[in-house]
């Protein structure tokens, strides 16, 4: 599409948006087909939704619009803010946006002035972006990981990811809801729920779950509340919401992007990455995020391995001649998903890929318990270190303080599920513990050397593919999440990259396919993912159905 706008804003609407944003940060916190044939069809009528001029618009189309004068950064921000008001707070009330940036329009105005005087800084100049509410911002917004325990805390500076976004000229519209504490508090949680923000809905079918923990970022992109968003992943938290919400998500190699100033779970697995509607937009955003950070020693390993422009690897013929292994051990949890994946594999063959099937990672399932054990140790150490850096502004200073806060505020924080993982983490010792060190060595050996690296070496593969996950489950605050299956764990435990791309629909719900492989193989994975996307083009915008009625 080509956006059209005369670049002028209606004064009354402009004043309304400005006054809404500037009236206070607290007011912005919202209350709590298969490919080839159709298996079932949704029969519920879609609710009325306002026509949206920027629906499915890409970064390049936004730049074209601003370059021609038909759009401005200010008019783009206003249009998205009006869309959020109509669809996130009202209408289907997706509840994906936790907080709006009261300075967003002023920032956009400044970027418009700069464009006129100096030209654009780059492809993100004036482009709206949402960030997950576990990335520090030293501005008028809060950083809470969705927890009431961090209300009032003031980070000393922006996270490096946020610094890079600002330097690139992006307009940070606000922060998205998430699974509280990035879904590490309880083993019975509901993805997309936080004590501060309540439950986020899946925009395709509103009673379905958006998956976590970057649920709000995934929903905001899918529902066209922004052009792009930032998510974070420890295991599945970018690729799962990308799959469940029909978008692209890139979980980078650990160390490719900085983690400093991000509320942590695990320094051996955490990472921040792009969420977008297209591989192109995800690649553009990824290039803005890379670089060595003296405050995150893992990024030193990215020197010579990272790029500031990943669009050079976008090749519509990128599947031709590629050797791609099918990880069949990750199949079999859902018949409709298997059918979609098999159809995707056949399409890759038609595009010239050499498919090796099966190409199983023999160690799958052998590091599940030790992964959680490592999380428990690192969560305590890493979160305590993060909270200590917040200083006296923070209401809590240790994991133990957070646990005690949750107990005192049980009605608000633990109305649906508890904090069993927090309690187990608090009971752990130091990172010098033999139990921890043995578990970490076990994980790396089985996920890397004897896992992904072993199968790729043996079969001489360029990448591996598997279903990212199943169709979104019905949100259940009583019993928690109902994951049917997924493939994120091997790449997550190894610290290796993973890209989700839409692969079709089952029961009216999006399903994604994962391309993953060795450390620092983002260029190869982007090439393959882009070629698959261009050959299939499965992405369709959501209809905001209240529920799915199944018909045979």
Protein backbone atom coordinates (compact mmCIF):
# COMPACT_ATOMS: atom_id res chain seq x y z
CA UNK A 1 0.00 0.00 0.00
CA UNK A 2 1.03 3.61 -0.38
CA UNK A 3 0.04 5.80 2.56
CA UNK A 4 -1.66 9.03 1.64
CA UNK A 5 -1.90 12.06 3.84
CA UNK A 6 -1.54 15.75 3.27
CA UNK A 7 0.78 15.94 6.29
CA UNK A 8 -1.52 18.28 8.21
CA UNK A 9 -3.27 17.34 11.43
CA UNK A 10 -6.75 18.35 12.50
CA UNK A 11 -6.07 20.87 15.29
CA UNK A 12 -8.80 19.66 17.67
CA UNK A 13 -7.71 16.04 17.41
CA UNK A 14 -4.08 17.14 17.80
CA UNK A 15 -4.93 18.97 21.02
CA UNK A 16 -6.93 16.01 22.31
CA UNK A 17 -4.08 13.58 21.72
CA UNK A 18 -1.53 15.91 23.30
CA UNK A 19 -3.69 16.56 26.38
CA UNK A 20 -4.41 12.85 26.77
CA UNK A 21 -0.71 12.03 26.72
CA UNK A 22 0.36 14.88 28.97
CA UNK A 23 -2.39 14.41 31.57
CA UNK A 24 -0.30 11.86 33.45
CA UNK A 25 1.53 8.62 32.95
CA UNK A 26 -0.67 6.74 35.39
CA UNK A 27 -3.78 7.42 33.32
CA UNK A 28 -2.23 5.55 30.41
CA UNK A 29 -2.16 2.22 32.26
CA UNK A 30 -5.06 0.19 30.90
CA UNK A 31 -7.23 -2.00 33.15
CA UNK A 32 -6.85 -5.13 33.98
CA UNK A 33 -6.37 -22.48 7.40
CA UNK A 34 -4.28 -24.56 7.05
CA UNK A 35 -2.47 -24.22 3.68
CA UNK A 36 -4.21 -26.04 0.89
CA UNK A 37 -7.55 -26.56 2.59
CA UNK A 38 -9.64 -25.10 5.35
CA UNK A 39 -9.88 -27.36 8.37
CA UNK A 40 -12.48 -25.31 10.20
CA UNK A 41 -13.80 -21.81 9.75
CA UNK A 42 -14.64 -19.12 12.24
CA UNK A 43 -18.38 -18.45 12.02
CA UNK A 44 -18.63 -15.60 14.50
CA UNK A 45 -18.97 -12.23 12.79
CA UNK A 46 -16.06 -9.86 13.23
CA UNK A 47 -16.82 -6.73 15.26
CA UNK A 48 -16.83 -3.41 13.49
CA UNK A 49 -13.38 -1.84 13.41
CA UNK A 50 -12.52 1.59 12.01
CA UNK A 51 -10.78 1.77 8.66
CA UNK A 52 -7.13 2.52 9.20
CA UNK A 53 -5.01 4.35 6.68
CA UNK A 54 -1.75 2.80 7.89
CA UNK A 55 -3.01 -0.78 7.98
CA UNK A 56 -0.12 -3.19 7.26
CA UNK A 57 2.16 -0.31 6.25
CA UNK A 58 5.88 -1.09 6.12
CA UNK A 59 8.89 0.95 7.24
CA UNK A 60 9.79 1.74 3.64
CA UNK A 61 6.25 2.89 2.87
CA UNK A 62 6.33 5.16 5.91
CA UNK A 63 9.65 6.60 4.73
CA UNK A 64 8.26 7.11 1.23
CA UNK A 65 5.27 8.92 2.73
CA UNK A 66 7.45 11.18 4.86
CA UNK A 67 9.89 11.78 2.02
CA UNK A 68 7.09 12.91 -0.29
CA UNK A 69 5.47 15.10 2.36
CA UNK A 70 2.26 13.09 2.40
CA UNK A 71 3.06 11.97 5.92
CA UNK A 72 5.03 13.37 8.81
CA UNK A 73 6.36 11.67 11.91
CA UNK A 74 3.77 13.65 13.87
CA UNK A 75 0.83 12.64 11.69
CA UNK A 76 1.95 8.99 11.74
CA UNK A 77 2.20 8.99 15.54
CA UNK A 78 -1.21 10.62 15.84
CA UNK A 79 -2.82 8.05 13.57
CA UNK A 80 -1.38 5.18 15.58
CA UNK A 81 -2.41 6.80 18.87
CA UNK A 82 -5.98 7.20 17.61
CA UNK A 83 -5.96 3.55 16.51
CA UNK A 84 -4.76 2.48 19.96
CA UNK A 85 -7.49 4.52 21.64
CA UNK A 86 -10.15 2.93 19.43
CA UNK A 87 -8.92 -0.67 19.44
CA UNK A 88 -6.72 -1.28 22.46
CA UNK A 89 -8.50 0.68 25.15
CA UNK A 90 -11.97 0.46 23.57
CA UNK A 91 -13.55 -1.76 20.90
CA UNK A 92 -12.00 -5.23 21.18
CA UNK A 93 -9.92 -3.84 24.08
CA UNK A 94 -6.80 -5.89 23.33
CA UNK A 95 -4.95 -4.42 26.32
CA UNK A 96 -1.55 -4.69 24.65
CA UNK A 97 -0.35 -1.18 25.50
CA UNK A 98 0.62 -0.76 29.13
CA UNK A 99 1.71 2.86 29.00
CA UNK A 100 1.92 5.64 26.41
CA UNK A 101 4.90 7.93 26.10
CA UNK A 102 3.76 11.45 27.09
CA UNK A 103 6.60 12.90 25.00
CA UNK A 104 5.86 10.91 21.83
CA UNK A 105 4.31 13.75 19.85
CA UNK A 106 6.96 16.25 20.91
CA UNK A 107 9.67 13.80 19.83
CA UNK A 108 7.90 13.31 16.49
CA UNK A 109 7.70 17.09 16.00
CA UNK A 110 11.42 17.40 16.61
CA UNK A 111 12.20 14.63 14.14
CA UNK A 112 10.03 16.33 11.49
CA UNK A 113 11.97 19.53 11.96
CA UNK A 114 15.27 17.66 11.75
CA UNK A 115 14.19 15.91 8.54
CA UNK A 116 13.45 19.25 6.91
CA UNK A 117 16.74 20.79 8.04
CA UNK A 118 19.18 17.87 7.72
CA UNK A 119 17.35 14.95 6.13
CA UNK A 120 16.53 11.59 7.74
CA UNK A 121 18.99 9.82 10.02
CA UNK A 122 18.19 6.47 8.46
CA UNK A 123 15.35 4.02 7.81
CA UNK A 124 13.85 4.37 11.31
CA UNK A 125 13.65 8.18 11.31
CA UNK A 126 10.13 9.08 12.47
CA UNK A 127 8.97 5.44 12.62
CA UNK A 128 6.82 4.53 15.65
CA UNK A 129 7.96 1.65 17.84
CA UNK A 130 6.70 0.06 21.03
CA UNK A 131 9.05 -1.48 23.57
CA UNK A 132 8.34 -4.19 26.11
CA UNK A 133 7.97 -2.97 29.68
CA UNK A 134 11.19 -4.60 30.86
CA UNK A 135 13.46 -2.18 28.97
CA UNK A 136 14.72 0.76 31.02
CA UNK A 137 13.77 4.26 29.92
CA UNK A 138 15.08 7.26 31.86
CA UNK A 139 12.09 9.40 30.95
CA UNK A 140 8.54 9.96 32.15
CA UNK A 141 7.57 6.33 31.58
CA UNK A 142 7.93 3.56 34.14
CA UNK A 143 9.86 0.30 33.81
CA UNK A 144 8.16 -2.41 35.84
CA UNK A 145 8.14 -5.80 34.03
CA UNK A 146 4.39 -5.52 34.60
CA UNK A 147 4.78 -5.74 38.36
CA UNK A 148 3.24 -3.37 40.88
CA UNK A 149 6.39 -3.88 42.95
CA UNK A 150 8.39 -1.59 40.64
CA UNK A 151 5.93 1.29 40.38
CA UNK A 152 7.92 4.44 41.14
CA UNK A 153 11.34 2.98 40.34
CA UNK A 154 13.48 5.28 38.17
CA UNK A 155 16.21 3.66 36.07
CA UNK A 156 19.40 5.76 36.04
CA UNK A 157 19.64 5.72 32.23
CA UNK A 158 18.07 4.27 29.09
CA UNK A 159 18.84 0.66 28.25
CA UNK A 160 21.27 0.49 25.33
CA UNK A 161 18.48 -0.85 23.09
CA UNK A 162 16.44 2.27 23.84
CA UNK A 163 19.48 4.51 23.30
CA UNK A 164 19.99 2.94 19.88
CA UNK A 165 16.33 3.41 18.95
CA UNK A 166 16.48 7.07 19.91
CA UNK A 167 19.75 7.55 18.00
CA UNK A 168 18.14 5.97 14.92
CA UNK A 169 15.29 8.48 15.09
CA UNK A 170 12.53 6.06 16.07
CA UNK A 171 9.53 7.45 17.94
CA UNK A 172 8.94 5.38 21.07
CA UNK A 173 5.16 5.43 21.42
CA UNK A 174 5.11 3.63 24.74
CA UNK A 175 5.51 0.31 26.50
CA UNK A 176 3.66 -2.92 25.97
CA UNK A 177 2.10 -5.29 28.46
CA UNK A 178 3.87 -8.58 29.06
CA UNK A 179 3.70 -11.73 31.07
CA UNK A 180 4.73 -10.34 34.45
CA UNK A 181 8.47 -10.66 35.18
CA UNK A 182 8.76 -12.10 31.66
CA UNK A 183 6.81 -15.21 32.74
CA UNK A 184 9.34 -16.43 35.31
CA UNK A 185 7.30 -15.91 38.50
CA UNK A 186 5.07 -18.97 38.39
CA UNK A 187 4.80 -22.32 36.64
CA UNK A 188 1.00 -21.82 36.46
CA UNK A 189 0.90 -18.36 34.89
CA UNK A 190 -1.29 -17.03 32.09
CA UNK A 191 0.84 -15.58 29.31
CA UNK A 192 0.08 -11.94 28.67
CA UNK A 193 -1.09 -11.24 32.23
CA UNK A 194 0.58 -8.80 34.58
CA UNK A 195 -0.46 -7.34 37.89
CA UNK A 196 -0.03 -3.86 36.49
CA UNK A 197 -1.68 -4.38 33.11
CA UNK A 198 -4.11 -7.28 33.35
CA UNK A 199 -4.62 -9.77 30.51
CA UNK A 200 -3.70 -9.08 26.88
CA UNK A 201 -5.93 -10.65 24.19
CA UNK A 202 -5.06 -12.30 20.90
CA UNK A 203 -6.31 -10.00 18.09
CA UNK A 204 -7.31 -12.90 15.83
CA UNK A 205 -9.72 -14.46 18.31
CA UNK A 206 -10.22 -12.45 21.47
CA UNK A 207 -10.69 -15.30 23.92
CA UNK A 208 -7.37 -16.82 22.79
CA UNK A 209 -3.98 -16.25 24.37
CA UNK A 210 -1.30 -14.03 22.75
CA UNK A 211 1.52 -16.22 24.13
CA UNK A 212 4.32 -14.80 26.24
CA UNK A 213 6.16 -13.08 27.46
CA UNK A 214 6.46 -10.46 24.70
CA UNK A 215 2.70 -10.72 24.28
CA UNK A 216 1.92 -7.02 24.17
CA UNK A 217 4.62 -6.35 21.60
CA UNK A 218 3.35 -9.16 19.39
CA UNK A 219 -0.26 -7.99 19.63
CA UNK A 220 0.61 -4.31 19.05
CA UNK A 221 2.42 -5.18 15.81
CA UNK A 222 -0.26 -7.63 14.64
CA UNK A 223 -3.10 -5.19 15.34
CA UNK A 224 -1.31 -2.31 13.56
CA UNK A 225 -0.77 -0.17 16.65
CA UNK A 226 2.82 0.47 15.51
CA UNK A 227 5.13 -0.39 12.67
CA UNK A 228 7.60 -2.40 14.76
CA UNK A 229 8.22 -3.44 18.36
CA UNK A 230 10.91 -4.78 20.65
CA UNK A 231 10.48 -8.08 22.45
CA UNK A 232 12.78 -10.07 24.70
CA UNK A 233 13.29 -13.81 24.88
CA UNK A 234 14.80 -16.26 27.31
CA UNK A 235 13.02 -19.27 25.81
CA UNK A 236 10.20 -18.69 23.32
CA UNK A 237 9.16 -15.21 24.41
CA UNK A 238 9.74 -13.60 21.00
CA UNK A 239 9.03 -16.47 18.63
CA UNK A 240 5.92 -17.79 20.41
CA UNK A 241 3.97 -14.48 20.43
CA UNK A 242 5.20 -13.91 16.88
CA UNK A 243 3.71 -17.24 15.85
CA UNK A 244 0.46 -16.82 17.81
CA UNK A 245 -0.10 -13.31 16.44
CA UNK A 246 0.86 -13.93 12.82
CA UNK A 247 4.01 -11.80 12.64
CA UNK A 248 7.79 -12.13 12.23
CA UNK A 249 10.03 -12.34 15.28
CA UNK A 250 13.82 -12.59 15.47
CA UNK A 251 15.45 -14.05 18.59
CA UNK A 252 19.12 -13.15 18.03
CA UNK A 253 22.25 -14.96 19.11
CA UNK A 254 22.94 -14.16 22.76
CA UNK A 255 25.32 -11.19 22.65
CA UNK A 256 24.27 -9.81 19.28
CA UNK A 257 22.13 -7.19 21.05
CA UNK A 258 22.74 -5.66 24.45
CA UNK A 259 20.89 -6.72 27.60
CA UNK A 260 22.10 -3.88 29.83
CA UNK A 261 19.17 -2.01 31.30
CA UNK A 262 16.74 -4.87 30.66
CA UNK A 263 15.07 -6.51 33.67
CA UNK A 264 16.72 -9.94 33.57
CA UNK A 265 15.98 -13.61 33.94
CA UNK A 266 19.11 -15.34 32.68
CA UNK A 267 22.34 -13.77 31.45
CA UNK A 268 23.12 -16.95 29.51
CA UNK A 269 19.86 -16.94 27.53
CA UNK A 270 18.27 -13.46 27.61
CA UNK A 271 18.17 -11.35 24.46
CA UNK A 272 16.20 -8.51 22.86
CA UNK A 273 15.02 -8.62 19.27
CA UNK A 274 12.66 -7.26 16.60
CA UNK A 275 8.99 -8.02 16.11
CA UNK A 276 7.46 -6.87 12.82
CA UNK A 277 4.90 -7.76 10.17
CA UNK A 278 7.54 -8.53 7.53
CA UNK A 279 11.01 -10.04 7.44
CA UNK A 280 12.25 -6.84 5.79
CA UNK A 281 11.07 -4.65 8.65
CA UNK A 282 12.50 -7.08 11.22
CA UNK A 283 15.85 -7.01 9.40
CA UNK A 284 15.87 -3.20 9.33
CA UNK A 285 15.15 -3.04 13.05
CA UNK A 286 17.75 -5.69 13.91
CA UNK A 287 20.47 -3.66 12.20
CA UNK A 288 19.72 -0.70 14.47
CA UNK A 289 20.11 -2.78 17.63
CA UNK A 290 23.49 -4.49 17.20
CA UNK A 291 26.85 -3.46 18.64
CA UNK A 292 29.31 -4.05 21.46
CA UNK A 293 28.21 -2.76 24.87
CA UNK A 294 30.83 -2.35 27.62
CA UNK A 295 28.05 -2.96 30.17
CA UNK A 296 27.21 -6.38 28.66
CA UNK A 297 30.31 -8.52 28.28
CA UNK A 298 28.48 -11.08 26.12
CA UNK A 299 28.32 -8.52 23.31
CA UNK A 300 32.11 -8.58 22.96
CA UNK A 301 31.72 -11.89 21.15
CA UNK A 302 29.62 -10.17 18.47
CA UNK A 303 32.62 -8.14 17.27
CA UNK A 304 33.13 -9.11 13.63
CA UNK A 305 29.88 -11.13 13.64
CA UNK A 306 27.28 -8.36 13.61
CA UNK A 307 25.93 -6.02 10.93
CA UNK A 308 24.25 -2.64 11.03
CA UNK A 309 22.27 -3.46 7.90
CA UNK A 310 20.73 -6.90 7.48
CA UNK A 311 18.68 -5.93 4.43
CA UNK A 312 21.64 -6.96 2.25
CA UNK A 313 20.69 -10.56 3.02
CA UNK A 314 17.11 -10.28 1.76
CA UNK A 315 17.04 -12.57 -1.27
CA UNK A 316 13.73 -13.78 -2.77
CA UNK A 317 15.66 -16.73 -4.23
CA UNK A 318 17.44 -17.47 -0.98
CA UNK A 319 16.01 -20.97 -0.62
CA UNK A 320 17.54 -22.17 -3.88
CA UNK A 321 20.33 -24.62 -3.13
CA UNK A 322 20.02 -24.26 0.66
CA UNK A 323 20.29 -27.44 2.76
CA UNK A 324 17.55 -27.32 5.36
CA UNK A 325 17.02 -29.95 8.03
CA UNK A 326 13.59 -30.83 9.39
CA UNK A 327 13.59 -31.43 13.15
CA UNK A 328 10.84 -34.07 13.26
CA UNK A 329 11.20 -34.50 17.02
CA UNK A 330 9.42 -31.16 17.34
CA UNK A 331 6.43 -32.40 15.28
CA UNK A 332 3.48 -34.53 16.31
CA UNK A 333 1.81 -32.37 18.95
CA UNK A 334 -0.98 -31.12 16.64
CA UNK A 335 -2.28 -32.68 13.41
CA UNK A 336 -3.19 -29.36 11.78
CA UNK A 337 0.24 -27.92 12.57
CA UNK A 338 1.94 -30.96 11.07
CA UNK A 339 -0.07 -30.48 7.90
CA UNK A 340 0.95 -26.83 7.68
CA UNK A 341 4.60 -27.67 8.25
CA UNK A 342 4.58 -30.42 5.62
CA UNK A 343 3.02 -27.98 3.17
CA UNK A 344 5.72 -25.42 4.03
CA UNK A 345 8.44 -28.01 3.43
CA UNK A 346 6.99 -28.85 0.02
CA UNK A 347 7.00 -25.14 -0.86
CA UNK A 348 10.65 -24.89 0.13
CA UNK A 349 11.39 -27.79 -2.20
CA UNK A 350 9.59 -25.98 -5.02
CA UNK A 351 11.79 -22.98 -4.32
CA UNK A 352 14.89 -25.10 -4.82
CA UNK A 353 15.82 -26.01 -1.26
CA UNK A 354 17.47 -29.35 -0.52
CA UNK A 355 15.40 -30.78 2.31
CA UNK A 356 17.00 -33.24 4.74
CA UNK A 357 14.16 -34.98 6.55
CA UNK A 358 14.53 -35.97 9.32
CA UNK A 359 17.38 -33.98 10.80
CA UNK A 360 16.71 -34.59 14.44
CA UNK A 361 18.52 -33.05 17.38
CA UNK A 362 19.10 -36.16 19.44
CA UNK A 363 19.42 -34.29 22.74
CA UNK A 364 15.95 -32.70 22.66
CA UNK A 365 14.25 -33.17 26.04
CA UNK A 366 17.50 -33.93 27.87
CA UNK A 367 18.11 -30.38 29.12
CA UNK A 368 14.60 -29.30 30.14
CA UNK A 369 15.08 -29.67 33.89
CA UNK A 370 18.59 -28.23 33.93
CA UNK A 371 17.42 -25.23 31.89
CA UNK A 372 14.98 -24.32 34.67
CA UNK A 373 17.66 -24.96 37.29
CA UNK A 374 20.00 -22.51 35.56
CA UNK A 375 17.16 -19.97 35.40
CA UNK A 376 16.59 -20.23 39.14
CA UNK A 377 20.22 -19.53 39.97
CA UNK A 378 20.65 -16.75 37.41
CA UNK A 379 17.31 -15.11 38.18
CA UNK A 380 18.29 -14.56 41.81
CA UNK A 381 21.77 -13.25 41.00
CA UNK A 382 20.83 -11.17 37.96
CA UNK A 383 17.63 -9.65 39.36
CA UNK A 384 19.34 -8.74 42.64
CA UNK A 385 22.09 -6.99 40.64
CA UNK A 386 19.54 -5.13 38.49
CA UNK A 387 17.48 -3.97 41.47
CA UNK A 388 20.60 -2.81 43.32
CA UNK A 389 21.43 -0.49 40.41
CA UNK A 390 18.04 1.23 40.70
CA UNK A 391 19.08 2.77 44.01
CA UNK A 392 16.72 4.31 46.57
CA UNK A 393 13.98 5.07 44.02
CA UNK A 394 13.08 1.38 43.85
CA UNK A 395 10.42 0.13 46.29
CA UNK A 396 12.18 -3.28 46.25
CA UNK A 397 15.91 -4.05 46.23
CA UNK A 398 16.13 -7.85 46.11
CA UNK A 399 14.21 -10.86 44.88
CA UNK A 400 13.27 -11.49 48.52
CA UNK A 401 11.75 -7.99 48.67
CA UNK A 402 9.68 -8.76 45.56
CA UNK A 403 8.45 -12.03 47.08
CA UNK A 404 7.46 -10.20 50.27
CA UNK A 405 5.72 -7.45 48.25
CA UNK A 406 3.68 -10.04 46.38
CA UNK A 407 2.61 -11.65 49.65
CA UNK A 408 1.52 -8.30 51.07
CA UNK A 409 -0.36 -7.51 47.87
CA UNK A 410 -1.69 -11.01 47.23
CA UNK A 411 -5.15 -9.87 46.09
CA UNK A 412 -3.69 -7.83 43.22
CA UNK A 413 -0.51 -9.72 42.39
CA UNK A 414 -1.44 -13.32 43.08
CA UNK A 415 -5.17 -13.40 42.40
CA UNK A 416 -4.72 -16.09 39.70
CA UNK A 417 -1.34 -17.75 40.26
CA UNK A 418 1.47 -17.68 42.76
CA UNK A 419 5.26 -17.34 42.74
CA UNK A 420 6.64 -20.86 43.06
CA UNK A 421 9.57 -20.19 40.70
CA UNK A 422 10.52 -17.06 42.63
CA UNK A 423 10.55 -19.08 45.85
CA UNK A 424 12.75 -21.79 44.33
CA UNK A 425 15.12 -19.14 42.94
CA UNK A 426 15.42 -17.39 46.29
CA UNK A 427 16.46 -20.69 47.88
CA UNK A 428 19.39 -21.08 45.46
CA UNK A 429 23.00 -20.23 46.29
CA UNK A 430 25.69 -18.33 44.44
CA UNK A 431 26.73 -18.76 40.80
CA UNK A 432 29.85 -20.51 42.06
CA UNK A 433 27.70 -23.46 43.16
CA UNK A 434 28.72 -26.80 41.66
CA UNK A 435 25.06 -27.61 40.97
CA UNK A 436 24.73 -24.47 38.85
CA UNK A 437 28.03 -24.85 37.02
CA UNK A 438 27.32 -28.50 36.22
CA UNK A 439 23.83 -27.66 34.93
CA UNK A 440 25.16 -24.85 32.72
CA UNK A 441 27.88 -27.07 31.24
CA UNK A 442 25.28 -29.81 30.65
CA UNK A 443 22.98 -27.36 28.86
CA UNK A 444 25.63 -25.91 26.58
CA UNK A 445 27.06 -29.31 25.69
CA UNK A 446 23.70 -30.89 24.87
CA UNK A 447 22.17 -27.88 23.11
CA UNK A 448 25.31 -26.79 21.24
CA UNK A 449 28.08 -29.36 20.67
CA UNK A 450 25.91 -32.48 20.85
CA UNK A 451 22.75 -30.73 19.71
CA UNK A 452 22.40 -28.09 16.99
CA UNK A 453 26.08 -28.07 15.99
CA UNK A 454 26.23 -31.87 15.81
CA UNK A 455 23.28 -32.34 13.48
CA UNK A 456 24.26 -29.40 11.27
CA UNK A 457 27.85 -30.68 10.98
CA UNK A 458 26.80 -34.25 10.30
CA UNK A 459 24.28 -33.35 7.60
CA UNK A 460 26.04 -30.21 6.32
CA UNK A 461 22.99 -28.02 6.88
CA UNK A 462 22.46 -24.29 6.45
CA UNK A 463 19.54 -24.18 8.88
CA UNK A 464 16.96 -26.21 10.76
CA UNK A 465 13.17 -25.81 10.63
CA UNK A 466 10.34 -26.85 12.94
CA UNK A 467 6.89 -25.63 13.98
CA UNK A 468 7.21 -22.66 16.31
CA UNK A 469 4.08 -23.64 18.23
CA UNK A 470 0.43 -24.57 17.94
CA UNK A 471 -2.69 -22.46 17.47
CA UNK A 472 -3.35 -20.10 20.37
CA UNK A 473 -5.16 -21.72 23.31
CA UNK A 474 -8.14 -20.22 25.15
CA UNK A 475 -6.85 -17.93 27.89
CA UNK A 476 -7.31 -19.67 31.23
CA UNK A 477 -6.65 -17.69 34.40
CA UNK A 478 -7.76 -20.66 36.52
CA UNK A 479 -5.35 -23.34 35.27
CA UNK A 480 -2.82 -21.22 33.38
CA UNK A 481 -1.30 -21.77 29.94
CA UNK A 482 -2.04 -24.78 27.76
CA UNK A 483 1.02 -25.08 25.52
CA UNK A 484 0.52 -27.91 23.04
CA UNK A 485 4.09 -27.91 21.78
CA UNK A 486 6.88 -25.85 20.30
CA UNK A 487 10.49 -25.79 19.17
CA UNK A 488 12.17 -22.83 20.88
CA UNK A 489 14.16 -24.67 23.54
CA UNK A 490 17.19 -25.94 21.59
CA UNK A 491 18.10 -22.53 20.14
CA UNK A 492 17.24 -20.80 23.42
CA UNK A 493 19.42 -23.01 25.61
CA UNK A 494 22.26 -22.89 23.09
CA UNK A 495 21.99 -19.09 22.84
CA UNK A 496 21.57 -19.42 19.06
CA UNK A 497 19.34 -17.40 16.70
CA UNK A 498 15.77 -18.27 15.78
CA UNK A 499 13.33 -16.58 13.36
CA UNK A 500 9.58 -17.13 13.25
CA UNK A 501 7.70 -16.52 9.99
CA UNK A 502 3.94 -16.97 9.42
CA UNK A 503 3.22 -20.38 7.89
CA UNK A 504 -0.56 -20.38 7.58
CA UNK A 505 -3.68 -20.74 9.69
CA UNK A 506 -5.26 -23.59 11.63
CA UNK A 507 -8.81 -23.12 12.93
CA UNK A 508 -8.57 -19.45 11.94
CA UNK A 509 -5.49 -18.94 14.14
CA UNK A 510 -1.96 -18.13 12.94
CA UNK A 511 0.79 -20.74 13.06
CA UNK A 512 4.46 -19.98 12.48
CA UNK A 513 7.52 -21.87 11.31
CA UNK A 514 10.95 -21.44 12.93
CA UNK A 515 14.25 -21.17 11.07
CA UNK A 516 17.17 -21.64 13.46
CA UNK A 517 20.82 -22.59 13.39
CA UNK A 518 24.35 -21.87 14.56
CA UNK A 519 25.58 -18.88 16.52
CA UNK A 520 25.79 -15.66 14.46
CA UNK A 521 23.89 -17.21 11.52
CA UNK A 522 21.33 -14.37 11.38
CA UNK A 523 22.31 -13.47 7.76
CA UNK A 524 21.58 -17.01 6.54
CA UNK A 525 18.36 -17.31 8.53
CA UNK A 526 17.11 -13.91 7.31
CA UNK A 527 17.83 -14.93 3.70
CA UNK A 528 15.88 -18.19 4.10
CA UNK A 529 13.03 -16.66 6.08
CA UNK A 530 12.62 -13.86 3.55
CA UNK A 531 12.56 -16.25 0.59
CA UNK A 532 9.93 -18.38 2.34
CA UNK A 533 7.85 -15.30 3.20
CA UNK A 534 7.96 -14.01 -0.36
CA UNK A 535 6.98 -17.39 -1.77
CA UNK A 536 4.03 -17.86 0.59
CA UNK A 537 2.86 -14.48 1.95
CA UNK A 538 0.71 -16.03 4.69
CA UNK A 539 0.48 -12.88 6.79
CA UNK A 540 -3.12 -11.63 7.07
CA UNK A 541 -4.30 -8.89 9.45
CA UNK A 542 -6.53 -9.95 12.37
CA UNK A 543 -10.32 -9.67 12.34
CA UNK A 544 -10.81 -9.38 16.14
CA UNK A 545 -13.28 -12.26 16.29
CA UNK A 546 -14.83 -12.79 19.73
CA UNK A 547 -14.35 -16.56 19.51
CA UNK A 548 -14.05 -19.38 17.01
CA UNK A 549 -17.11 -21.49 16.22
CA UNK A 550 -15.92 -24.76 14.71
CA UNK A 551 -17.57 -26.36 11.69
CA UNK A 552 -16.64 -29.57 9.94
